[in-house]
Amino acid sequence: EALKREPQHAEQPGTRTPVTEEEALTALGVVDETDRAAVRGVIA
């Protein structure tokens, strides 16, 4: 289902709303805290 999610709103070219780390992980479907820690480790 993560591949089927539509953006909440259409963005205008050149404008992006900053996303927090928590929002990004949630949007990616990474909700388990252990998985979130693993993703943060990979990013670091």
ModelCIF file with pLDDT and N, C-alpha, C, O atoms, coordinates in Angstrom:
data_MODEL
#
_entry.id   MODEL 
#
_entity.id                         1 
_entity.type                       polymer 
_entity.pdbx_number_of_molecules   1 
#
_entity_poly.entity_id                      1 
_entity_poly.type                           'polypeptide(L)' 
_entity_poly.nstd_linkage                   no 
_entity_poly.nstd_monomer                   no 
_entity_poly.pdbx_seq_one_letter_code       EALKREPQHAEQPGTRTPVTEEEALTALGVVDETDRAAVRGVIA 
_entity_poly.pdbx_seq_one_letter_code_can   EALKREPQHAEQPGTRTPVTEEEALTALGVVDETDRAAVRGVIA 
_entity_poly.pdbx_strand_id                 A 
#
loop_
_entity_poly_seq.entity_id 
_entity_poly_seq.num 
_entity_poly_seq.mon_id 
_entity_poly_seq.hetero 
1 1  GLU n 
1 2  ALA n 
1 3  LEU n 
1 4  LYS n 
1 5  ARG n 
1 6  GLU n 
1 7  PRO n 
1 8  GLN n 
1 9  HIS n 
1 10 ALA n 
1 11 GLU n 
1 12 GLN n 
1 13 PRO n 
1 14 GLY n 
1 15 THR n 
1 16 ARG n 
1 17 THR n 
1 18 PRO n 
1 19 VAL n 
1 20 THR n 
1 21 GLU n 
1 22 GLU n 
1 23 GLU n 
1 24 ALA n 
1 25 LEU n 
1 26 THR n 
1 27 ALA n 
1 28 LEU n 
1 29 GLY n 
1 30 VAL n 
1 31 VAL n 
1 32 ASP n 
1 33 GLU n 
1 34 THR n 
1 35 ASP n 
1 36 ARG n 
1 37 ALA n 
1 38 ALA n 
1 39 VAL n 
1 40 ARG n 
1 41 GLY n 
1 42 VAL n 
1 43 ILE n 
1 44 ALA n 
#
_struct_asym.id          A 
_struct_asym.entity_id   1 
#
loop_
_ma_qa_metric.id 
_ma_qa_metric.mode 
_ma_qa_metric.name 
_ma_qa_metric.software_group_id 
_ma_qa_metric.type 
1 global pLDDT . pLDDT 
2 local  pLDDT . pLDDT 
#
_ma_qa_metric_global.metric_id      1 
_ma_qa_metric_global.metric_value   74.64 
_ma_qa_metric_global.model_id       1 
_ma_qa_metric_global.ordinal_id     1 
#
loop_
_ma_qa_metric_local.label_asym_id 
_ma_qa_metric_local.label_comp_id 
_ma_qa_metric_local.label_seq_id 
_ma_qa_metric_local.metric_id 
_ma_qa_metric_local.metric_value 
_ma_qa_metric_local.model_id 
_ma_qa_metric_local.ordinal_id 
A GLU 1  2 89.00 1 1  
A ALA 2  2 87.00 1 2  
A LEU 3  2 87.00 1 3  
A LYS 4  2 84.00 1 4  
A ARG 5  2 67.00 1 5  
A GLU 6  2 53.00 1 6  
A PRO 7  2 52.00 1 7  
A GLN 8  2 50.00 1 8  
A HIS 9  2 50.00 1 9  
A ALA 10 2 49.00 1 10 
A GLU 11 2 50.00 1 11 
A GLN 12 2 53.00 1 12 
A PRO 13 2 54.00 1 13 
A GLY 14 2 55.00 1 14 
A THR 15 2 54.00 1 15 
A ARG 16 2 57.00 1 16 
A THR 17 2 61.00 1 17 
A PRO 18 2 60.00 1 18 
A VAL 19 2 70.00 1 19 
A THR 20 2 76.00 1 20 
A GLU 21 2 79.00 1 21 
A GLU 22 2 79.00 1 22 
A GLU 23 2 77.00 1 23 
A ALA 24 2 79.00 1 24 
A LEU 25 2 82.00 1 25 
A THR 26 2 79.00 1 26 
A ALA 27 2 77.00 1 27 
A LEU 28 2 80.00 1 28 
A GLY 29 2 81.00 1 29 
A VAL 30 2 85.00 1 30 
A VAL 31 2 83.00 1 31 
A ASP 32 2 87.00 1 32 
A GLU 33 2 90.00 1 33 
A THR 34 2 91.00 1 34 
A ASP 35 2 88.00 1 35 
A ARG 36 2 88.00 1 36 
A ALA 37 2 90.00 1 37 
A ALA 38 2 90.00 1 38 
A VAL 39 2 88.00 1 39 
A ARG 40 2 88.00 1 40 
A GLY 41 2 89.00 1 41 
A VAL 42 2 88.00 1 42 
A ILE 43 2 85.00 1 43 
A ALA 44 2 83.00 1 44 
#
loop_
_atom_site.group_PDB 
_atom_site.id 
_atom_site.type_symbol 
_atom_site.label_atom_id 
_atom_site.label_alt_id 
_atom_site.label_comp_id 
_atom_site.label_asym_id 
_atom_site.label_entity_id 
_atom_site.label_seq_id 
_atom_site.pdbx_PDB_ins_code 
_atom_site.Cartn_x 
_atom_site.Cartn_y 
_atom_site.Cartn_z 
_atom_site.occupancy 
_atom_site.B_iso_or_equiv 
_atom_site.pdbx_formal_charge 
_atom_site.auth_seq_id 
_atom_site.auth_comp_id 
_atom_site.auth_asym_id 
_atom_site.auth_atom_id 
_atom_site.pdbx_PDB_model_num 
ATOM 1   N N  . GLU A 1 1  ? 0.823  -1.217 0.000  1.00 89.00 ? 1  GLU A N  1 
ATOM 2   C CA . GLU A 1 1  ? 0.000  0.000  0.000  1.00 89.00 ? 1  GLU A CA 1 
ATOM 3   C C  . GLU A 1 1  ? 0.857  1.267  0.000  1.00 89.00 ? 1  GLU A C  1 
ATOM 4   O O  . GLU A 1 1  ? 0.392  2.329  -0.413 1.00 89.00 ? 1  GLU A O  1 
ATOM 5   N N  . ALA A 1 2  ? 2.098  1.160  0.459  1.00 87.00 ? 2  ALA A N  1 
ATOM 6   C CA . ALA A 1 2  ? 2.986  2.332  0.484  1.00 87.00 ? 2  ALA A CA 1 
ATOM 7   C C  . ALA A 1 2  ? 3.213  2.883  -0.920 1.00 87.00 ? 2  ALA A C  1 
ATOM 8   O O  . ALA A 1 2  ? 3.489  4.072  -1.085 1.00 87.00 ? 2  ALA A O  1 
ATOM 9   N N  . LEU A 1 3  ? 3.100  2.028  -1.929 1.00 87.00 ? 3  LEU A N  1 
ATOM 10  C CA . LEU A 1 3  ? 3.303  2.477  -3.308 1.00 87.00 ? 3  LEU A CA 1 
ATOM 11  C C  . LEU A 1 3  ? 2.065  3.146  -3.885 1.00 87.00 ? 3  LEU A C  1 
ATOM 12  O O  . LEU A 1 3  ? 2.144  3.830  -4.905 1.00 87.00 ? 3  LEU A O  1 
ATOM 13  N N  . LYS A 1 4  ? 0.929  2.951  -3.239 1.00 84.00 ? 4  LYS A N  1 
ATOM 14  C CA . LYS A 1 4  ? -0.334 3.477  -3.763 1.00 84.00 ? 4  LYS A CA 1 
ATOM 15  C C  . LYS A 1 4  ? -0.730 4.808  -3.159 1.00 84.00 ? 4  LYS A C  1 
ATOM 16  O O  . LYS A 1 4  ? -1.672 5.452  -3.622 1.00 84.00 ? 4  LYS A O  1 
ATOM 17  N N  . ARG A 1 5  ? -0.024 5.214  -2.143 1.00 67.00 ? 5  ARG A N  1 
ATOM 18  C CA . ARG A 1 5  ? -0.383 6.454  -1.448 1.00 67.00 ? 5  ARG A CA 1 
ATOM 19  C C  . ARG A 1 5  ? -0.189 7.655  -2.356 1.00 67.00 ? 5  ARG A C  1 
ATOM 20  O O  . ARG A 1 5  ? 0.844  7.802  -3.008 1.00 67.00 ? 5  ARG A O  1 
ATOM 21  N N  . GLU A 1 6  ? -1.186 8.496  -2.386 1.00 53.00 ? 6  GLU A N  1 
ATOM 22  C CA . GLU A 1 6  ? -1.127 9.734  -3.156 1.00 53.00 ? 6  GLU A CA 1 
ATOM 23  C C  . GLU A 1 6  ? -0.640 10.855 -2.251 1.00 53.00 ? 6  GLU A C  1 
ATOM 24  O O  . GLU A 1 6  ? -0.897 10.832 -1.048 1.00 53.00 ? 6  GLU A O  1 
ATOM 25  N N  . PRO A 1 7  ? 0.063  11.840 -2.814 1.00 52.00 ? 7  PRO A N  1 
ATOM 26  C CA . PRO A 1 7  ? 0.468  12.984 -1.994 1.00 52.00 ? 7  PRO A CA 1 
ATOM 27  C C  . PRO A 1 7  ? -0.767 13.696 -1.443 1.00 52.00 ? 7  PRO A C  1 
ATOM 28  O O  . PRO A 1 7  ? -1.819 13.724 -2.081 1.00 52.00 ? 7  PRO A O  1 
ATOM 29  N N  . GLN A 1 8  ? -0.623 14.264 -0.259 1.00 50.00 ? 8  GLN A N  1 
ATOM 30  C CA . GLN A 1 8  ? -1.726 14.966 0.385  1.00 50.00 ? 8  GLN A CA 1 
ATOM 31  C C  . GLN A 1 8  ? -2.140 16.219 -0.384 1.00 50.00 ? 8  GLN A C  1 
ATOM 32  O O  . GLN A 1 8  ? -3.306 16.613 -0.363 1.00 50.00 ? 8  GLN A O  1 
ATOM 33  N N  . HIS A 1 9  ? -1.186 16.834 -1.056 1.00 50.00 ? 9  HIS A N  1 
ATOM 34  C CA . HIS A 1 9  ? -1.479 18.061 -1.795 1.00 50.00 ? 9  HIS A CA 1 
ATOM 35  C C  . HIS A 1 9  ? -0.500 18.166 -2.958 1.00 50.00 ? 9  HIS A C  1 
ATOM 36  O O  . HIS A 1 9  ? 0.602  17.619 -2.923 1.00 50.00 ? 9  HIS A O  1 
ATOM 37  N N  . ALA A 1 10 ? -0.931 18.873 -3.971 1.00 49.00 ? 10 ALA A N  1 
ATOM 38  C CA . ALA A 1 10 ? -0.053 19.073 -5.123 1.00 49.00 ? 10 ALA A CA 1 
ATOM 39  C C  . ALA A 1 10 ? 0.930  20.197 -4.805 1.00 49.00 ? 10 ALA A C  1 
ATOM 40  O O  . ALA A 1 10 ? 0.541  21.257 -4.316 1.00 49.00 ? 10 ALA A O  1 
ATOM 41  N N  . GLU A 1 11 ? 2.196  19.952 -5.085 1.00 50.00 ? 11 GLU A N  1 
ATOM 42  C CA . GLU A 1 11 ? 3.218  20.976 -4.829 1.00 50.00 ? 11 GLU A CA 1 
ATOM 43  C C  . GLU A 1 11 ? 3.438  21.807 -6.084 1.00 50.00 ? 11 GLU A C  1 
ATOM 44  O O  . GLU A 1 11 ? 3.414  21.301 -7.206 1.00 50.00 ? 11 GLU A O  1 
ATOM 45  N N  . GLN A 1 12 ? 3.650  23.077 -5.864 1.00 53.00 ? 12 GLN A N  1 
ATOM 46  C CA . GLN A 1 12 ? 4.016  23.948 -6.958 1.00 53.00 ? 12 GLN A CA 1 
ATOM 47  C C  . GLN A 1 12 ? 5.503  23.768 -7.224 1.00 53.00 ? 12 GLN A C  1 
ATOM 48  O O  . GLN A 1 12 ? 6.276  23.564 -6.288 1.00 53.00 ? 12 GLN A O  1 
ATOM 49  N N  . PRO A 1 13 ? 5.921  23.839 -8.499 1.00 54.00 ? 13 PRO A N  1 
ATOM 50  C CA . PRO A 1 13 ? 7.352  23.689 -8.786 1.00 54.00 ? 13 PRO A CA 1 
ATOM 51  C C  . PRO A 1 13 ? 8.180  24.690 -7.985 1.00 54.00 ? 13 PRO A C  1 
ATOM 52  O O  . PRO A 1 13 ? 7.852  25.875 -7.922 1.00 54.00 ? 13 PRO A O  1 
ATOM 53  N N  . GLY A 1 14 ? 9.243  24.203 -7.383 1.00 55.00 ? 14 GLY A N  1 
ATOM 54  C CA . GLY A 1 14 ? 10.150 25.063 -6.633 1.00 55.00 ? 14 GLY A CA 1 
ATOM 55  C C  . GLY A 1 14 ? 9.735  25.325 -5.201 1.00 55.00 ? 14 GLY A C  1 
ATOM 56  O O  . GLY A 1 14 ? 10.458 25.993 -4.462 1.00 55.00 ? 14 GLY A O  1 
ATOM 57  N N  . THR A 1 15 ? 8.571  24.808 -4.789 1.00 54.00 ? 15 THR A N  1 
ATOM 58  C CA . THR A 1 15 ? 8.144  25.009 -3.407 1.00 54.00 ? 15 THR A CA 1 
ATOM 59  C C  . THR A 1 15 ? 7.979  23.655 -2.746 1.00 54.00 ? 15 THR A C  1 
ATOM 60  O O  . THR A 1 15 ? 7.267  22.783 -3.244 1.00 54.00 ? 15 THR A O  1 
ATOM 61  N N  . ARG A 1 16 ? 8.636  23.498 -1.633 1.00 57.00 ? 16 ARG A N  1 
ATOM 62  C CA . ARG A 1 16 ? 8.513  22.266 -0.869 1.00 57.00 ? 16 ARG A CA 1 
ATOM 63  C C  . ARG A 1 16 ? 8.362  22.611 0.593  1.00 57.00 ? 16 ARG A C  1 
ATOM 64  O O  . ARG A 1 16 ? 9.078  23.463 1.119  1.00 57.00 ? 16 ARG A O  1 
ATOM 65  N N  . THR A 1 17 ? 7.448  21.960 1.233  1.00 61.00 ? 17 THR A N  1 
ATOM 66  C CA . THR A 1 17 ? 7.267  22.131 2.660  1.00 61.00 ? 17 THR A CA 1 
ATOM 67  C C  . THR A 1 17 ? 8.256  21.211 3.360  1.00 61.00 ? 17 THR A C  1 
ATOM 68  O O  . THR A 1 17 ? 8.284  20.012 3.080  1.00 61.00 ? 17 THR A O  1 
ATOM 69  N N  . PRO A 1 18 ? 9.064  21.748 4.262  1.00 60.00 ? 18 PRO A N  1 
ATOM 70  C CA . PRO A 1 18 ? 9.989  20.876 4.979  1.00 60.00 ? 18 PRO A CA 1 
ATOM 71  C C  . PRO A 1 18 ? 9.241  19.770 5.719  1.00 60.00 ? 18 PRO A C  1 
ATOM 72  O O  . PRO A 1 18 ? 8.168  19.999 6.276  1.00 60.00 ? 18 PRO A O  1 
ATOM 73  N N  . VAL A 1 19 ? 9.810  18.585 5.717  1.00 70.00 ? 19 VAL A N  1 
ATOM 74  C CA . VAL A 1 19 ? 9.214  17.425 6.367  1.00 70.00 ? 19 VAL A CA 1 
ATOM 75  C C  . VAL A 1 19 ? 10.125 17.023 7.513  1.00 70.00 ? 19 VAL A C  1 
ATOM 76  O O  . VAL A 1 19 ? 11.346 16.986 7.363  1.00 70.00 ? 19 VAL A O  1 
ATOM 77  N N  . THR A 1 20 ? 9.534  16.727 8.645  1.00 76.00 ? 20 THR A N  1 
ATOM 78  C CA . THR A 1 20 ? 10.346 16.264 9.767  1.00 76.00 ? 20 THR A CA 1 
ATOM 79  C C  . THR A 1 20 ? 10.756 14.815 9.527  1.00 76.00 ? 20 THR A C  1 
ATOM 80  O O  . THR A 1 20 ? 10.175 14.113 8.699  1.00 76.00 ? 20 THR A O  1 
ATOM 81  N N  . GLU A 1 21 ? 11.760 14.391 10.263 1.00 79.00 ? 21 GLU A N  1 
ATOM 82  C CA . GLU A 1 21 ? 12.209 13.006 10.175 1.00 79.00 ? 21 GLU A CA 1 
ATOM 83  C C  . GLU A 1 21 ? 11.063 12.051 10.505 1.00 79.00 ? 21 GLU A C  1 
ATOM 84  O O  . GLU A 1 21 ? 10.865 11.050 9.817  1.00 79.00 ? 21 GLU A O  1 
ATOM 85  N N  . GLU A 1 22 ? 10.315 12.363 11.554 1.00 79.00 ? 22 GLU A N  1 
ATOM 86  C CA . GLU A 1 22 ? 9.193  11.504 11.965 1.00 79.00 ? 22 GLU A CA 1 
ATOM 87  C C  . GLU A 1 22 ? 8.133  11.428 10.876 1.00 79.00 ? 22 GLU A C  1 
ATOM 88  O O  . GLU A 1 22 ? 7.602  10.352 10.603 1.00 79.00 ? 22 GLU A O  1 
ATOM 89  N N  . GLU A 1 23 ? 7.820  12.563 10.249 1.00 77.00 ? 23 GLU A N  1 
ATOM 90  C CA . GLU A 1 23 ? 6.825  12.574 9.171  1.00 77.00 ? 23 GLU A CA 1 
ATOM 91  C C  . GLU A 1 23 ? 7.302  11.744 7.987  1.00 77.00 ? 23 GLU A C  1 
ATOM 92  O O  . GLU A 1 23 ? 6.518  11.013 7.381  1.00 77.00 ? 23 GLU A O  1 
ATOM 93  N N  . ALA A 1 24 ? 8.586  11.853 7.655  1.00 79.00 ? 24 ALA A N  1 
ATOM 94  C CA . ALA A 1 24 ? 9.142  11.099 6.523  1.00 79.00 ? 24 ALA A CA 1 
ATOM 95  C C  . ALA A 1 24 ? 9.077  9.599  6.795  1.00 79.00 ? 24 ALA A C  1 
ATOM 96  O O  . ALA A 1 24 ? 8.687  8.826  5.921  1.00 79.00 ? 24 ALA A O  1 
ATOM 97  N N  . LEU A 1 25 ? 9.455  9.188  7.998  1.00 82.00 ? 25 LEU A N  1 
ATOM 98  C CA . LEU A 1 25 ? 9.423  7.762  8.329  1.00 82.00 ? 25 LEU A CA 1 
ATOM 99  C C  . LEU A 1 25 ? 7.989  7.231  8.313  1.00 82.00 ? 25 LEU A C  1 
ATOM 100 O O  . LEU A 1 25 ? 7.736  6.125  7.836  1.00 82.00 ? 25 LEU A O  1 
ATOM 101 N N  . THR A 1 26 ? 7.073  8.012  8.826  1.00 79.00 ? 26 THR A N  1 
ATOM 102 C CA . THR A 1 26 ? 5.669  7.604  8.817  1.00 79.00 ? 26 THR A CA 1 
ATOM 103 C C  . THR A 1 26 ? 5.159  7.506  7.384  1.00 79.00 ? 26 THR A C  1 
ATOM 104 O O  . THR A 1 26 ? 4.465  6.550  7.037  1.00 79.00 ? 26 THR A O  1 
ATOM 105 N N  . ALA A 1 27 ? 5.497  8.486  6.551  1.00 77.00 ? 27 ALA A N  1 
ATOM 106 C CA . ALA A 1 27 ? 5.071  8.462  5.146  1.00 77.00 ? 27 ALA A CA 1 
ATOM 107 C C  . ALA A 1 27 ? 5.624  7.249  4.408  1.00 77.00 ? 27 ALA A C  1 
ATOM 108 O O  . ALA A 1 27 ? 4.986  6.729  3.493  1.00 77.00 ? 27 ALA A O  1 
ATOM 109 N N  . LEU A 1 28 ? 6.810  6.801  4.806  1.00 80.00 ? 28 LEU A N  1 
ATOM 110 C CA . LEU A 1 28 ? 7.413  5.616  4.195  1.00 80.00 ? 28 LEU A CA 1 
ATOM 111 C C  . LEU A 1 28 ? 6.849  4.318  4.760  1.00 80.00 ? 28 LEU A C  1 
ATOM 112 O O  . LEU A 1 28 ? 7.175  3.234  4.278  1.00 80.00 ? 28 LEU A O  1 
ATOM 113 N N  . GLY A 1 29 ? 6.003  4.429  5.784  1.00 81.00 ? 29 GLY A N  1 
ATOM 114 C CA . GLY A 1 29 ? 5.419  3.239  6.383  1.00 81.00 ? 29 GLY A CA 1 
ATOM 115 C C  . GLY A 1 29 ? 6.299  2.593  7.432  1.00 81.00 ? 29 GLY A C  1 
ATOM 116 O O  . GLY A 1 29 ? 6.043  1.463  7.847  1.00 81.00 ? 29 GLY A O  1 
ATOM 117 N N  . VAL A 1 30 ? 7.341  3.303  7.870  1.00 85.00 ? 30 VAL A N  1 
ATOM 118 C CA . VAL A 1 30 ? 8.245  2.775  8.896  1.00 85.00 ? 30 VAL A CA 1 
ATOM 119 C C  . VAL A 1 30 ? 7.704  3.258  10.239 1.00 85.00 ? 30 VAL A C  1 
ATOM 120 O O  . VAL A 1 30 ? 7.962  4.387  10.657 1.00 85.00 ? 30 VAL A O  1 
ATOM 121 N N  . VAL A 1 31 ? 6.951  2.387  10.907 1.00 83.00 ? 31 VAL A N  1 
ATOM 122 C CA . VAL A 1 31 ? 6.285  2.801  12.140 1.00 83.00 ? 31 VAL A CA 1 
ATOM 123 C C  . VAL A 1 31 ? 6.860  2.132  13.381 1.00 83.00 ? 31 VAL A C  1 
ATOM 124 O O  . VAL A 1 31 ? 6.738  2.674  14.479 1.00 83.00 ? 31 VAL A O  1 
ATOM 125 N N  . ASP A 1 32 ? 7.473  0.984  13.235 1.00 87.00 ? 32 ASP A N  1 
ATOM 126 C CA . ASP A 1 32 ? 8.086  0.294  14.371 1.00 87.00 ? 32 ASP A CA 1 
ATOM 127 C C  . ASP A 1 32 ? 9.337  1.051  14.811 1.00 87.00 ? 32 ASP A C  1 
ATOM 128 O O  . ASP A 1 32 ? 10.163 1.417  13.975 1.00 87.00 ? 32 ASP A O  1 
ATOM 129 N N  . GLU A 1 33 ? 9.481  1.287  16.102 1.00 90.00 ? 33 GLU A N  1 
ATOM 130 C CA . GLU A 1 33 ? 10.603 2.094  16.600 1.00 90.00 ? 33 GLU A CA 1 
ATOM 131 C C  . GLU A 1 33 ? 11.951 1.449  16.303 1.00 90.00 ? 33 GLU A C  1 
ATOM 132 O O  . GLU A 1 33 ? 12.925 2.159  16.052 1.00 90.00 ? 33 GLU A O  1 
ATOM 133 N N  . THR A 1 34 ? 12.029 0.120  16.325 1.00 91.00 ? 34 THR A N  1 
ATOM 134 C CA . THR A 1 34 ? 13.284 -0.562 15.991 1.00 91.00 ? 34 THR A CA 1 
ATOM 135 C C  . THR A 1 34 ? 13.641 -0.325 14.526 1.00 91.00 ? 34 THR A C  1 
ATOM 136 O O  . THR A 1 34 ? 14.800 -0.072 14.199 1.00 91.00 ? 34 THR A O  1 
ATOM 137 N N  . ASP A 1 35 ? 12.639 -0.408 13.641 1.00 88.00 ? 35 ASP A N  1 
ATOM 138 C CA . ASP A 1 35 ? 12.870 -0.141 12.224 1.00 88.00 ? 35 ASP A CA 1 
ATOM 139 C C  . ASP A 1 35 ? 13.269 1.320  12.001 1.00 88.00 ? 35 ASP A C  1 
ATOM 140 O O  . ASP A 1 35 ? 14.136 1.620  11.179 1.00 88.00 ? 35 ASP A O  1 
ATOM 141 N N  . ARG A 1 36 ? 12.621 2.225  12.746 1.00 88.00 ? 36 ARG A N  1 
ATOM 142 C CA . ARG A 1 36 ? 12.974 3.645  12.614 1.00 88.00 ? 36 ARG A CA 1 
ATOM 143 C C  . ARG A 1 36 ? 14.431 3.877  13.010 1.00 88.00 ? 36 ARG A C  1 
ATOM 144 O O  . ARG A 1 36 ? 15.148 4.637  12.359 1.00 88.00 ? 36 ARG A O  1 
ATOM 145 N N  . ALA A 1 37 ? 14.858 3.215  14.083 1.00 90.00 ? 37 ALA A N  1 
ATOM 146 C CA . ALA A 1 37 ? 16.249 3.354  14.522 1.00 90.00 ? 37 ALA A CA 1 
ATOM 147 C C  . ALA A 1 37 ? 17.199 2.809  13.454 1.00 90.00 ? 37 ALA A C  1 
ATOM 148 O O  . ALA A 1 37 ? 18.261 3.383  13.214 1.00 90.00 ? 37 ALA A O  1 
ATOM 149 N N  . ALA A 1 38 ? 16.819 1.706  12.816 1.00 90.00 ? 38 ALA A N  1 
ATOM 150 C CA . ALA A 1 38 ? 17.656 1.130  11.763 1.00 90.00 ? 38 ALA A CA 1 
ATOM 151 C C  . ALA A 1 38 ? 17.774 2.086  10.571 1.00 90.00 ? 38 ALA A C  1 
ATOM 152 O O  . ALA A 1 38 ? 18.863 2.266  10.026 1.00 90.00 ? 38 ALA A O  1 
ATOM 153 N N  . VAL A 1 39 ? 16.662 2.693  10.170 1.00 88.00 ? 39 VAL A N  1 
ATOM 154 C CA . VAL A 1 39 ? 16.682 3.643  9.056  1.00 88.00 ? 39 VAL A CA 1 
ATOM 155 C C  . VAL A 1 39 ? 17.540 4.852  9.412  1.00 88.00 ? 39 VAL A C  1 
ATOM 156 O O  . VAL A 1 39 ? 18.333 5.321  8.595  1.00 88.00 ? 39 VAL A O  1 
ATOM 157 N N  . ARG A 1 40 ? 17.377 5.354  10.636 1.00 88.00 ? 40 ARG A N  1 
ATOM 158 C CA . ARG A 1 40 ? 18.202 6.492  11.065 1.00 88.00 ? 40 ARG A CA 1 
ATOM 159 C C  . ARG A 1 40 ? 19.690 6.130  11.025 1.00 88.00 ? 40 ARG A C  1 
ATOM 160 O O  . ARG A 1 40 ? 20.523 6.945  10.629 1.00 88.00 ? 40 ARG A O  1 
ATOM 161 N N  . GLY A 1 41 ? 20.016 4.900  11.437 1.00 89.00 ? 41 GLY A N  1 
ATOM 162 C CA . GLY A 1 41 ? 21.405 4.446  11.410 1.00 89.00 ? 41 GLY A CA 1 
ATOM 163 C C  . GLY A 1 41 ? 21.961 4.387  9.999  1.00 89.00 ? 41 GLY A C  1 
ATOM 164 O O  . GLY A 1 41 ? 23.102 4.786  9.763  1.00 89.00 ? 41 GLY A O  1 
ATOM 165 N N  . VAL A 1 42 ? 21.167 3.893  9.059  1.00 88.00 ? 42 VAL A N  1 
ATOM 166 C CA . VAL A 1 42 ? 21.594 3.828  7.660  1.00 88.00 ? 42 VAL A CA 1 
ATOM 167 C C  . VAL A 1 42 ? 21.815 5.240  7.127  1.00 88.00 ? 42 VAL A C  1 
ATOM 168 O O  . VAL A 1 42 ? 22.814 5.511  6.460  1.00 88.00 ? 42 VAL A O  1 
ATOM 169 N N  . ILE A 1 43 ? 20.883 6.130  7.422  1.00 85.00 ? 43 ILE A N  1 
ATOM 170 C CA . ILE A 1 43 ? 21.012 7.513  6.949  1.00 85.00 ? 43 ILE A CA 1 
ATOM 171 C C  . ILE A 1 43 ? 22.269 8.161  7.526  1.00 85.00 ? 43 ILE A C  1 
ATOM 172 O O  . ILE A 1 43 ? 23.001 8.841  6.806  1.00 85.00 ? 43 ILE A O  1 
ATOM 173 N N  . ALA A 1 44 ? 22.523 7.955  8.814  1.00 83.00 ? 44 ALA A N  1 
ATOM 174 C CA . ALA A 1 44 ? 23.719 8.531  9.438  1.00 83.00 ? 44 ALA A CA 1 
ATOM 175 C C  . ALA A 1 44 ? 24.987 7.968  8.803  1.00 83.00 ? 44 ALA A C  1 
ATOM 176 O O  . ALA A 1 44 ? 26.093 8.337  9.200  1.00 83.00 ? 44 ALA A O  1 
#
